Each structure stands twice: as C-alpha cells, then as structure tokens.
Amino acid sequence: KQWYQRRVRGTGYRGNVNSVEGIVSNVACQAWNKDYPHHHSEFHPTSHNIERYGLGKHNYCRNPDPQQLKKPWCYTTSSWIRWQYCDIPTCSTEFPYFEH
C-alpha cells in the first residue's frame, strides 16, 4: 500500500501508482517526458522538477503544482481526460513526517 502526505500536498510522493481515480477507472498516466496525447510545457522532467517533484521518464503520479492542486495527479493517456488525481490514500496522522 502506498500513501502521500496531505500537509505538503503529496509533493514528496515517490511511489509507482500510474493510473487515475474517478468515473473512468484504469486510465493509465501519460509519461511526464511525453507530449502525447496532452501537450504540456511546464511540467517536463527538468533538473529542478526531477529533484523537487520526482518527475522523470516515467508515468508515475506526482504533484509538481502544489499551489494549485491538492494531491498527486497525472496527465492521462485518454484523449478525453487531460489530467486527473490518482487514487492514493493519505498517510496516517500517527506518522506525519514520512511519505510512503
């Protein structure tokens, strides 16, 4: 089981969940270094984004936009859904200093 820390909006999440939650289930995430099917310019795996947010040549859920978004998310491989939050529960408040 994997979790993210709500207090920092999942910015430190480094797990391997790579599909989204919501009405449409089992939609895979688009790799952060790809622009298909959704073009995005601000969240590519630059050295800053790799170090700070864990972006890379993978499609794992991350949150490189904590000012706007509340938990790990990804661009999807569905042409109909640009991005969506990932189904990752929050950490227990008993262990507030660790992300799993």
PDB file of N, CA and C in Angstrom:
ATOM      1  N   LYS A   1       0.852  -1.196   0.000  1.00  0.00           N
ATOM      2  CA  LYS A   1       0.000   0.000   0.000  1.00  0.00           C
ATOM      3  C   LYS A   1       0.884   1.241   0.000  1.00  0.00           C
ATOM      4  N   GLN A   2       0.476   2.256  -0.738  1.00  0.00           N
ATOM      5  CA  GLN A   2       1.238   3.495  -0.818  1.00  0.00           C
ATOM      6  C   GLN A   2       0.391   4.651  -0.332  1.00  0.00           C
ATOM      7  N   TRP A   3       1.061   5.674   0.229  1.00  0.00           N
ATOM      8  CA  TRP A   3       0.373   6.829   0.767  1.00  0.00           C
ATOM      9  C   TRP A   3       1.104   8.097   0.369  1.00  0.00           C
ATOM     10  N   TYR A   4       0.412   9.240   0.544  1.00  0.00           N
ATOM     11  CA  TYR A   4       1.072  10.528   0.361  1.00  0.00           C
ATOM     12  C   TYR A   4       0.764  11.400   1.562  1.00  0.00           C
ATOM     13  N   GLN A   5       1.573  12.393   1.804  1.00  0.00           N
ATOM     14  CA  GLN A   5       1.432  13.266   2.960  1.00  0.00           C
ATOM     15  C   GLN A   5       0.594  14.481   2.579  1.00  0.00           C
ATOM     16  N   ARG A   6      -0.590  14.607   3.186  1.00  0.00           N
ATOM     17  CA  ARG A   6      -1.534  15.667   2.852  1.00  0.00           C
ATOM     18  C   ARG A   6      -0.980  17.049   3.158  1.00  0.00           C
ATOM     19  N   ARG A   7      -0.220  17.197   4.236  1.00  0.00           N
ATOM     20  CA  ARG A   7       0.276  18.505   4.670  1.00  0.00           C
ATOM     21  C   ARG A   7       1.092  19.197   3.576  1.00  0.00           C
ATOM     22  N   VAL A   8       1.834  18.447   2.795  1.00  0.00           N
ATOM     23  CA  VAL A   8       2.632  19.034   1.709  1.00  0.00           C
ATOM     24  C   VAL A   8       2.047  18.677   0.338  1.00  0.00           C
ATOM     25  N   ARG A   9       0.782  18.299   0.326  1.00  0.00           N
ATOM     26  CA  ARG A   9       0.027  18.033  -0.906  1.00  0.00           C
ATOM     27  C   ARG A   9       0.668  16.983  -1.801  1.00  0.00           C
ATOM     28  N   GLY A  10       1.384  16.058  -1.191  1.00  0.00           N
ATOM     29  CA  GLY A  10       1.958  14.945  -1.947  1.00  0.00           C
ATOM     30  C   GLY A  10       3.177  15.288  -2.783  1.00  0.00           C
ATOM     31  N   THR A  11       3.819  16.417  -2.520  1.00  0.00           N
ATOM     32  CA  THR A  11       4.991  16.788  -3.325  1.00  0.00           C
ATOM     33  C   THR A  11       6.149  15.815  -3.144  1.00  0.00           C
ATOM     34  N   GLY A  12       6.206  15.113  -2.030  1.00  0.00           N
ATOM     35  CA  GLY A  12       7.284  14.156  -1.794  1.00  0.00           C
ATOM     36  C   GLY A  12       6.927  12.733  -2.166  1.00  0.00           C
ATOM     37  N   TYR A  13       5.742  12.509  -2.727  1.00  0.00           N
ATOM     38  CA  TYR A  13       5.342  11.153  -3.094  1.00  0.00           C
ATOM     39  C   TYR A  13       6.252  10.616  -4.193  1.00  0.00           C
ATOM     40  N   ARG A  14       6.832   9.427  -3.961  1.00  0.00           N
ATOM     41  CA  ARG A  14       7.739   8.818  -4.938  1.00  0.00           C
ATOM     42  C   ARG A  14       7.363   7.369  -5.221  1.00  0.00           C
ATOM     43  N   GLY A  15       6.099   7.050  -5.058  1.00  0.00           N
ATOM     44  CA  GLY A  15       5.629   5.693  -5.321  1.00  0.00           C
ATOM     45  C   GLY A  15       5.454   5.419  -6.801  1.00  0.00           C
ATOM     46  N   ASN A  16       4.865   4.264  -7.121  1.00  0.00           N
ATOM     47  CA  ASN A  16       4.742   3.879  -8.522  1.00  0.00           C
ATOM     48  C   ASN A  16       3.304   3.723  -9.003  1.00  0.00           C
ATOM     49  N   VAL A  17       2.345   4.381  -8.341  1.00  0.00           N
ATOM     50  CA  VAL A  17       0.970   4.377  -8.844  1.00  0.00           C
ATOM     51  C   VAL A  17       0.974   5.138 -10.165  1.00  0.00           C
ATOM     52  N   ASN A  18       0.338   4.568 -11.194  1.00  0.00           N
ATOM     53  CA  ASN A  18       0.353   5.202 -12.506  1.00  0.00           C
ATOM     54  C   ASN A  18      -0.983   5.117 -13.241  1.00  0.00           C
ATOM     55  N   SER A  19      -2.074   5.178 -12.468  1.00  0.00           N
ATOM     56  CA  SER A  19      -3.403   5.251 -13.061  1.00  0.00           C
ATOM     57  C   SER A  19      -4.252   6.190 -12.210  1.00  0.00           C
ATOM     58  N   VAL A  20      -5.365   6.642 -12.774  1.00  0.00           N
ATOM     59  CA  VAL A  20      -6.143   7.699 -12.128  1.00  0.00           C
ATOM     60  C   VAL A  20      -7.417   7.188 -11.474  1.00  0.00           C
ATOM     61  N   GLU A  21      -7.960   8.018 -10.578  1.00  0.00           N
ATOM     62  CA  GLU A  21      -9.219   7.726  -9.913  1.00  0.00           C
ATOM     63  C   GLU A  21     -10.342   8.438 -10.649  1.00  0.00           C
ATOM     64  N   GLY A  22     -11.561   8.145 -10.273  1.00  0.00           N
ATOM     65  CA  GLY A  22     -12.680   8.891 -10.833  1.00  0.00           C
ATOM     66  C   GLY A  22     -13.671   8.023 -11.567  1.00  0.00           C
ATOM     67  N   ILE A  23     -14.471   8.668 -12.390  1.00  0.00           N
ATOM     68  CA  ILE A  23     -15.552   7.998 -13.121  1.00  0.00           C
ATOM     69  C   ILE A  23     -14.997   6.927 -14.047  1.00  0.00           C
ATOM     70  N   VAL A  24     -13.949   7.271 -14.754  1.00  0.00           N
ATOM     71  CA  VAL A  24     -13.309   6.310 -15.653  1.00  0.00           C
ATOM     72  C   VAL A  24     -12.144   5.679 -14.894  1.00  0.00           C
ATOM     73  N   SER A  25     -12.220   4.391 -14.641  1.00  0.00           N
ATOM     74  CA  SER A  25     -11.142   3.751 -13.888  1.00  0.00           C
ATOM     75  C   SER A  25     -10.148   3.086 -14.837  1.00  0.00           C
ATOM     76  N   ASN A  26      -8.990   2.806 -14.305  1.00  0.00           N
ATOM     77  CA  ASN A  26      -7.918   2.133 -15.031  1.00  0.00           C
ATOM     78  C   ASN A  26      -7.434   2.893 -16.268  1.00  0.00           C
ATOM     79  N   VAL A  27      -7.447   4.214 -16.192  1.00  0.00           N
ATOM     80  CA  VAL A  27      -6.849   5.009 -17.253  1.00  0.00           C
ATOM     81  C   VAL A  27      -5.397   5.239 -16.857  1.00  0.00           C
ATOM     82  N   ALA A  28      -4.492   4.863 -17.728  1.00  0.00           N
ATOM     83  CA  ALA A  28      -3.067   4.996 -17.430  1.00  0.00           C
ATOM     84  C   ALA A  28      -2.620   6.449 -17.497  1.00  0.00           C
ATOM     85  N   CYS A  29      -1.580   6.743 -16.768  1.00  0.00           N
ATOM     86  CA  CYS A  29      -0.978   8.075 -16.798  1.00  0.00           C
ATOM     87  C   CYS A  29      -0.065   8.204 -18.013  1.00  0.00           C
ATOM     88  N   GLN A  30       0.037   9.419 -18.510  1.00  0.00           N
ATOM     89  CA  GLN A  30       0.970   9.757 -19.588  1.00  0.00           C
ATOM     90  C   GLN A  30       2.332  10.018 -18.961  1.00  0.00           C
ATOM     91  N   ALA A  31       3.392   9.587 -19.607  1.00  0.00           N
ATOM     92  CA  ALA A  31       4.741   9.846 -19.080  1.00  0.00           C
ATOM     93  C   ALA A  31       4.998  11.353 -19.048  1.00  0.00           C
ATOM     94  N   TRP A  32       5.691  11.810 -18.012  1.00  0.00           N
ATOM     95  CA  TRP A  32       5.960  13.239 -17.830  1.00  0.00           C
ATOM     96  C   TRP A  32       6.835  13.810 -18.942  1.00  0.00           C
ATOM     97  N   ASN A  33       7.631  12.994 -19.583  1.00  0.00           N
ATOM     98  CA  ASN A  33       8.513  13.481 -20.643  1.00  0.00           C
ATOM     99  C   ASN A  33       7.866  13.395 -22.031  1.00  0.00           C
ATOM    100  N   LYS A  34       6.595  13.052 -22.098  1.00  0.00           N
ATOM    101  CA  LYS A  34       5.880  12.934 -23.375  1.00  0.00           C
ATOM    102  C   LYS A  34       4.850  14.053 -23.511  1.00  0.00           C
ATOM    103  N   ASP A  35       4.536  14.411 -24.739  1.00  0.00           N
ATOM    104  CA  ASP A  35       3.522  15.423 -25.029  1.00  0.00           C
ATOM    105  C   ASP A  35       2.342  14.857 -25.801  1.00  0.00           C
ATOM    106  N   TYR A  36       2.154  13.562 -25.725  1.00  0.00           N
ATOM    107  CA  TYR A  36       1.012  12.952 -26.386  1.00  0.00           C
ATOM    108  C   TYR A  36       0.322  11.993 -25.444  1.00  0.00           C
ATOM    109  N   PRO A  37      -0.989  12.046 -25.333  1.00  0.00           N
ATOM    110  CA  PRO A  37      -1.898  12.858 -26.127  1.00  0.00           C
ATOM    111  C   PRO A  37      -2.071  14.310 -25.641  1.00  0.00           C
ATOM    112  N   HIS A  38      -1.477  14.667 -24.521  1.00  0.00           N
ATOM    113  CA  HIS A  38      -1.665  16.022 -23.987  1.00  0.00           C
ATOM    114  C   HIS A  38      -0.353  16.796 -23.965  1.00  0.00           C
ATOM    115  N   HIS A  39      -0.310  17.895 -24.696  1.00  0.00           N
ATOM    116  CA  HIS A  39       0.860  18.762 -24.694  1.00  0.00           C
ATOM    117  C   HIS A  39       0.891  19.554 -23.387  1.00  0.00           C
ATOM    118  N   HIS A  40       2.055  19.639 -22.770  1.00  0.00           N
ATOM    119  CA  HIS A  40       2.235  20.436 -21.558  1.00  0.00           C
ATOM    120  C   HIS A  40       3.656  20.965 -21.560  1.00  0.00           C
ATOM    121  N   SER A  41       3.799  22.227 -21.227  1.00  0.00           N
ATOM    122  CA  SER A  41       5.139  22.817 -21.280  1.00  0.00           C
ATOM    123  C   SER A  41       5.774  23.010 -19.913  1.00  0.00           C
ATOM    124  N   GLU A  42       4.982  23.137 -18.869  1.00  0.00           N
ATOM    125  CA  GLU A  42       5.547  23.500 -17.576  1.00  0.00           C
ATOM    126  C   GLU A  42       5.996  22.320 -16.706  1.00  0.00           C
ATOM    127  N   PHE A  43       5.550  21.125 -16.992  1.00  0.00           N
ATOM    128  CA  PHE A  43       5.864  20.005 -16.101  1.00  0.00           C
ATOM    129  C   PHE A  43       6.670  18.900 -16.772  1.00  0.00           C
ATOM    130  N   HIS A  44       7.702  19.272 -17.495  1.00  0.00           N
ATOM    131  CA  HIS A  44       8.620  18.280 -18.060  1.00  0.00           C
ATOM    132  C   HIS A  44       9.717  17.977 -17.030  1.00  0.00           C
ATOM    133  N   PRO A  45      10.394  16.847 -17.174  1.00  0.00           N
ATOM    134  CA  PRO A  45      11.437  16.474 -16.211  1.00  0.00           C
ATOM    135  C   PRO A  45      12.728  17.288 -16.355  1.00  0.00           C
ATOM    136  N   THR A  46      12.660  18.569 -16.034  1.00  0.00           N
ATOM    137  CA  THR A  46      13.868  19.396 -15.965  1.00  0.00           C
ATOM    138  C   THR A  46      14.626  19.022 -14.699  1.00  0.00           C
ATOM    139  N   SER A  47      15.845  19.467 -14.550  1.00  0.00           N
ATOM    140  CA  SER A  47      16.613  19.114 -13.344  1.00  0.00           C
ATOM    141  C   SER A  47      15.891  19.584 -12.080  1.00  0.00           C
ATOM    142  N   HIS A  48      15.278  20.769 -12.112  1.00  0.00           N
ATOM    143  CA  HIS A  48      14.523  21.272 -10.958  1.00  0.00           C
ATOM    144  C   HIS A  48      13.323  20.370 -10.657  1.00  0.00           C
ATOM    145  N   ASN A  49      12.552  20.018 -11.682  1.00  0.00           N
ATOM    146  CA  ASN A  49      11.362  19.191 -11.476  1.00  0.00           C
ATOM    147  C   ASN A  49      11.691  17.756 -11.075  1.00  0.00           C
ATOM    148  N   ILE A  50      12.824  17.254 -11.539  1.00  0.00           N
ATOM    149  CA  ILE A  50      13.249  15.911 -11.132  1.00  0.00           C
ATOM    150  C   ILE A  50      13.602  15.914  -9.650  1.00  0.00           C
ATOM    151  N   GLU A  51      14.403  16.877  -9.241  1.00  0.00           N
ATOM    152  CA  GLU A  51      14.838  16.936  -7.843  1.00  0.00           C
ATOM    153  C   GLU A  51      13.701  17.279  -6.892  1.00  0.00           C
ATOM    154  N   ARG A  52      12.923  18.275  -7.220  1.00  0.00           N
ATOM    155  CA  ARG A  52      11.899  18.773  -6.297  1.00  0.00           C
ATOM    156  C   ARG A  52      10.624  17.935  -6.279  1.00  0.00           C
ATOM    157  N   TYR A  53      10.211  17.441  -7.447  1.00  0.00           N
ATOM    158  CA  TYR A  53       8.916  16.765  -7.539  1.00  0.00           C
ATOM    159  C   TYR A  53       8.977  15.310  -7.997  1.00  0.00           C
ATOM    160  N   GLY A  54      10.139  14.824  -8.355  1.00  0.00           N
ATOM    161  CA  GLY A  54      10.263  13.419  -8.752  1.00  0.00           C
ATOM    162  C   GLY A  54       9.774  13.118 -10.153  1.00  0.00           C
ATOM    163  N   LEU A  55       9.679  14.148 -11.017  1.00  0.00           N
ATOM    164  CA  LEU A  55       9.290  13.882 -12.397  1.00  0.00           C
ATOM    165  C   LEU A  55      10.436  13.176 -13.107  1.00  0.00           C
ATOM    166  N   GLY A  56      10.130  12.481 -14.183  1.00  0.00           N
ATOM    167  CA  GLY A  56      11.171  11.771 -14.912  1.00  0.00           C
ATOM    168  C   GLY A  56      10.614  11.119 -16.156  1.00  0.00           C
ATOM    169  N   LYS A  57      11.367  10.167 -16.680  1.00  0.00           N
ATOM    170  CA  LYS A  57      10.936   9.426 -17.865  1.00  0.00           C
ATOM    171  C   LYS A  57      10.085   8.250 -17.413  1.00  0.00           C
ATOM    172  N   HIS A  58       8.987   8.575 -16.752  1.00  0.00           N
ATOM    173  CA  HIS A  58       8.055   7.577 -16.225  1.00  0.00           C
ATOM    174  C   HIS A  58       6.660   8.177 -16.220  1.00  0.00           C
ATOM    175  N   ASN A  59       5.674   7.371 -15.881  1.00  0.00           N
ATOM    176  CA  ASN A  59       4.297   7.856 -15.829  1.00  0.00           C
ATOM    177  C   ASN A  59       3.688   7.708 -14.431  1.00  0.00           C
ATOM    178  N   TYR A  60       4.502   7.832 -13.402  1.00  0.00           N
ATOM    179  CA  TYR A  60       4.013   7.727 -12.033  1.00  0.00           C
ATOM    180  C   TYR A  60       3.355   9.030 -11.581  1.00  0.00           C
ATOM    181  N   CYS A  61       2.377   8.918 -10.735  1.00  0.00           N
ATOM    182  CA  CYS A  61       1.664  10.078 -10.204  1.00  0.00           C
ATOM    183  C   CYS A  61       2.605  10.947  -9.369  1.00  0.00           C
ATOM    184  N   ARG A  62       2.498  12.244  -9.539  1.00  0.00           N
ATOM    185  CA  ARG A  62       3.285  13.222  -8.794  1.00  0.00           C
ATOM    186  C   ARG A  62       2.456  14.485  -8.621  1.00  0.00           C
ATOM    187  N   ASN A  63       2.936  15.437  -7.836  1.00  0.00           N
ATOM    188  CA  ASN A  63       2.276  16.741  -7.755  1.00  0.00           C
ATOM    189  C   ASN A  63       3.303  17.862  -7.917  1.00  0.00           C
ATOM    190  N   PRO A  64       3.602  18.218  -9.165  1.00  0.00           N
ATOM    191  CA  PRO A  64       4.535  19.317  -9.397  1.00  0.00           C
ATOM    192  C   PRO A  64       3.867  20.693  -9.344  1.00  0.00           C
ATOM    193  N   ASP A  65       2.587  20.744  -8.943  1.00  0.00           N
ATOM    194  CA  ASP A  65       1.846  22.009  -8.902  1.00  0.00           C
ATOM    195  C   ASP A  65       1.097  22.156  -7.579  1.00  0.00           C
ATOM    196  N   PRO A  66       1.826  22.141  -6.437  1.00  0.00           N
ATOM    197  CA  PRO A  66       1.152  22.136  -5.139  1.00  0.00           C
ATOM    198  C   PRO A  66       0.388  23.420  -4.815  1.00  0.00           C
ATOM    199  N   GLN A  67       0.670  24.521  -5.500  1.00  0.00           N
ATOM    200  CA  GLN A  67      -0.075  25.746  -5.241  1.00  0.00           C
ATOM    201  C   GLN A  67      -1.496  25.640  -5.790  1.00  0.00           C
ATOM    202  N   GLN A  68      -1.688  24.853  -6.835  1.00  0.00           N
ATOM    203  CA  GLN A  68      -2.994  24.729  -7.475  1.00  0.00           C
ATOM    204  C   GLN A  68      -3.709  23.411  -7.177  1.00  0.00           C
ATOM    205  N   LEU A  69      -2.948  22.335  -7.015  1.00  0.00           N
ATOM    206  CA  LEU A  69      -3.556  21.015  -6.896  1.00  0.00           C
ATOM    207  C   LEU A  69      -3.235  20.385  -5.549  1.00  0.00           C
ATOM    208  N   LYS A  70      -4.173  19.597  -5.040  1.00  0.00           N
ATOM    209  CA  LYS A  70      -4.116  19.162  -3.641  1.00  0.00           C
ATOM    210  C   LYS A  70      -3.473  17.806  -3.375  1.00  0.00           C
ATOM    211  N   LYS A  71      -3.171  17.021  -4.400  1.00  0.00           N
ATOM    212  CA  LYS A  71      -2.608  15.687  -4.184  1.00  0.00           C
ATOM    213  C   LYS A  71      -1.956  15.187  -5.460  1.00  0.00           C
ATOM    214  N   PRO A  72      -1.260  14.048  -5.423  1.00  0.00           N
ATOM    215  CA  PRO A  72      -0.626  13.526  -6.639  1.00  0.00           C
ATOM    216  C   PRO A  72      -1.640  13.305  -7.766  1.00  0.00           C
ATOM    217  N   TRP A  73      -1.185  13.591  -8.982  1.00  0.00           N
ATOM    218  CA  TRP A  73      -2.029  13.527 -10.167  1.00  0.00           C
ATOM    219  C   TRP A  73      -1.149  13.199 -11.363  1.00  0.00           C
ATOM    220  N   CYS A  74      -1.781  13.082 -12.535  1.00  0.00           N
ATOM    221  CA  CYS A  74      -1.013  12.903 -13.768  1.00  0.00           C
ATOM    222  C   CYS A  74      -1.852  13.311 -14.959  1.00  0.00           C
ATOM    223  N   TYR A  75      -1.160  13.599 -16.075  1.00  0.00           N
ATOM    224  CA  TYR A  75      -1.845  13.705 -17.353  1.00  0.00           C
ATOM    225  C   TYR A  75      -2.218  12.283 -17.738  1.00  0.00           C
ATOM    226  N   THR A  76      -3.342  12.105 -18.415  1.00  0.00           N
ATOM    227  CA  THR A  76      -3.776  10.746 -18.733  1.00  0.00           C
ATOM    228  C   THR A  76      -3.490  10.394 -20.191  1.00  0.00           C
ATOM    229  N   THR A  77      -3.593   9.117 -20.492  1.00  0.00           N
ATOM    230  CA  THR A  77      -3.434   8.652 -21.860  1.00  0.00           C
ATOM    231  C   THR A  77      -4.753   8.690 -22.623  1.00  0.00           C
ATOM    232  N   SER A  78      -5.801   9.143 -21.973  1.00  0.00           N
ATOM    233  CA  SER A  78      -7.096   9.301 -22.634  1.00  0.00           C
ATOM    234  C   SER A  78      -7.162  10.663 -23.307  1.00  0.00           C
ATOM    235  N   SER A  79      -7.563  10.690 -24.556  1.00  0.00           N
ATOM    236  CA  SER A  79      -7.716  11.962 -25.265  1.00  0.00           C
ATOM    237  C   SER A  79      -8.820  12.815 -24.660  1.00  0.00           C
ATOM    238  N   TRP A  80      -9.724  12.206 -23.923  1.00  0.00           N
ATOM    239  CA  TRP A  80     -10.879  12.902 -23.357  1.00  0.00           C
ATOM    240  C   TRP A  80     -10.615  13.477 -21.979  1.00  0.00           C
ATOM    241  N   ILE A  81      -9.613  12.996 -21.285  1.00  0.00           N
ATOM    242  CA  ILE A  81      -9.332  13.446 -19.914  1.00  0.00           C
ATOM    243  C   ILE A  81      -7.902  13.958 -19.870  1.00  0.00           C
ATOM    244  N   ARG A  82      -7.712  15.286 -19.764  1.00  0.00           N
ATOM    245  CA  ARG A  82      -6.366  15.869 -19.781  1.00  0.00           C
ATOM    246  C   ARG A  82      -5.552  15.416 -18.575  1.00  0.00           C
ATOM    247  N   TRP A  83      -6.083  15.599 -17.352  1.00  0.00           N
ATOM    248  CA  TRP A  83      -5.393  15.188 -16.138  1.00  0.00           C
ATOM    249  C   TRP A  83      -6.429  14.739 -15.123  1.00  0.00           C
ATOM    250  N   GLN A  84      -5.958  14.031 -14.101  1.00  0.00           N
ATOM    251  CA  GLN A  84      -6.853  13.567 -13.045  1.00  0.00           C
ATOM    252  C   GLN A  84      -6.022  13.215 -11.815  1.00  0.00           C
ATOM    253  N   TYR A  85      -6.650  13.335 -10.644  1.00  0.00           N
ATOM    254  CA  TYR A  85      -5.995  12.901  -9.414  1.00  0.00           C
ATOM    255  C   TYR A  85      -5.837  11.391  -9.409  1.00  0.00           C
ATOM    256  N   CYS A  86      -4.803  10.927  -8.728  1.00  0.00           N
ATOM    257  CA  CYS A  86      -4.543   9.492  -8.612  1.00  0.00           C
ATOM    258  C   CYS A  86      -5.151   8.959  -7.323  1.00  0.00           C
ATOM    259  N   ASP A  87      -5.461   7.687  -7.328  1.00  0.00           N
ATOM    260  CA  ASP A  87      -6.102   7.043  -6.178  1.00  0.00           C
ATOM    261  C   ASP A  87      -5.032   6.567  -5.201  1.00  0.00           C
ATOM    262  N   ILE A  88      -4.543   7.520  -4.397  1.00  0.00           N
ATOM    263  CA  ILE A  88      -3.512   7.232  -3.400  1.00  0.00           C
ATOM    264  C   ILE A  88      -4.014   7.787  -2.073  1.00  0.00           C
ATOM    265  N   PRO A  89      -4.153   6.965  -1.038  1.00  0.00           N
ATOM    266  CA  PRO A  89      -4.633   7.478   0.242  1.00  0.00           C
ATOM    267  C   PRO A  89      -3.585   8.344   0.951  1.00  0.00           C
ATOM    268  N   THR A  90      -4.051   9.164   1.884  1.00  0.00           N
ATOM    269  CA  THR A  90      -3.129   9.996   2.656  1.00  0.00           C
ATOM    270  C   THR A  90      -2.484   9.172   3.769  1.00  0.00           C
ATOM    271  N   CYS A  91      -1.320   9.644   4.238  1.00  0.00           N
ATOM    272  CA  CYS A  91      -0.625   9.000   5.351  1.00  0.00           C
ATOM    273  C   CYS A  91      -1.451   9.134   6.618  1.00  0.00           C
ATOM    274  N   SER A  92      -1.243   8.231   7.524  1.00  0.00           N
ATOM    275  CA  SER A  92      -1.838   8.325   8.839  1.00  0.00           C
ATOM    276  C   SER A  92      -1.246   9.515   9.572  1.00  0.00           C
ATOM    277  N   THR A  93      -2.039  10.192  10.376  1.00  0.00           N
ATOM    278  CA  THR A  93      -1.525  11.315  11.160  1.00  0.00           C
ATOM    279  C   THR A  93      -0.585  10.840  12.257  1.00  0.00           C
ATOM    280  N   GLU A  94      -0.532   9.535  12.504  1.00  0.00           N
ATOM    281  CA  GLU A  94       0.389   9.000  13.509  1.00  0.00           C
ATOM    282  C   GLU A  94       1.841   9.118  13.052  1.00  0.00           C
ATOM    283  N   PHE A  95       2.071   9.188  11.748  1.00  0.00           N
ATOM    284  CA  PHE A  95       3.407   9.278  11.189  1.00  0.00           C
ATOM    285  C   PHE A  95       3.494  10.476  10.240  1.00  0.00           C
ATOM    286  N   PRO A  96       3.415  11.683  10.760  1.00  0.00           N
ATOM    287  CA  PRO A  96       3.327  12.868   9.905  1.00  0.00           C
ATOM    288  C   PRO A  96       4.607  13.234   9.174  1.00  0.00           C
ATOM    289  N   TYR A  97       5.730  12.646   9.499  1.00  0.00           N
ATOM    290  CA  TYR A  97       6.995  13.067   8.895  1.00  0.00           C
ATOM    291  C   TYR A  97       7.499  12.132   7.804  1.00  0.00           C
ATOM    292  N   PHE A  98       6.707  11.106   7.453  1.00  0.00           N
ATOM    293  CA  PHE A  98       7.150  10.166   6.452  1.00  0.00           C
ATOM    294  C   PHE A  98       6.161  10.104   5.301  1.00  0.00           C
ATOM    295  N   GLU A  99       6.689   9.958   4.111  1.00  0.00           N
ATOM    296  CA  GLU A  99       5.856   9.662   2.950  1.00  0.00           C
ATOM    297  C   GLU A  99       6.230   8.270   2.519  1.00  0.00           C
ATOM    298  N   HIS A 100       5.253   7.496   2.126  1.00  0.00           N
ATOM    299  CA  HIS A 100       5.485   6.103   1.776  1.00  0.00           C
ATOM    300  C   HIS A 100       5.342   5.915   0.286  1.00  0.00           C
TER     301      HIS A 100
END
